[in-house]
Amino acid sequence: QVQLVESGGGLVQAGGSLRLSCAASGRTFSYYAMAWFRQAPGKERELLASISWNIFSTYYADSVKGRFTISRDNAKNTVYLRMNSLKPEDTAVYYCAAGYTPYPAGIYYGANEYDYWGQGTQVTVSS
């Protein structure tokens, strides 16, 4: 089992920045690809960014490319999402997720490929 706890959400004005953190405990963090998703009311859960456990591979959705940065610190069992130039349409509940992979550079693109999820943290961007 892997437990994930997100933090860092809140209310921010358009154009502002936030950094989300996701602390993992339980099984070895290093063998998990990590990702950030979000879900707005009435919308499907959306993959924003993912990162391999060796940090060599990353993926960003077009909607956040150039504004959001995913990173991880395996020594601290923590993954981060730095969000810049926030827009009102970024308002959603943000979730981190972990998916086991034996491949150091492996990442996943589908929500059903991730095994563990955090409880979510609300991000609200005011106009």
Foldseek 3Di string as FASTA:
>chain_A
DKAKAKDWADEEAAQAKIKMKIAIDDDQLLQWKKFKWWDAPPDDIATAKIAFSLRPDMDGDPVQPPFWDWDDDSVRRMIMIIGGRDDQVVWTWMKMFIAGDPDRGDDDHDPVRTDDMYPTDTHGYHD
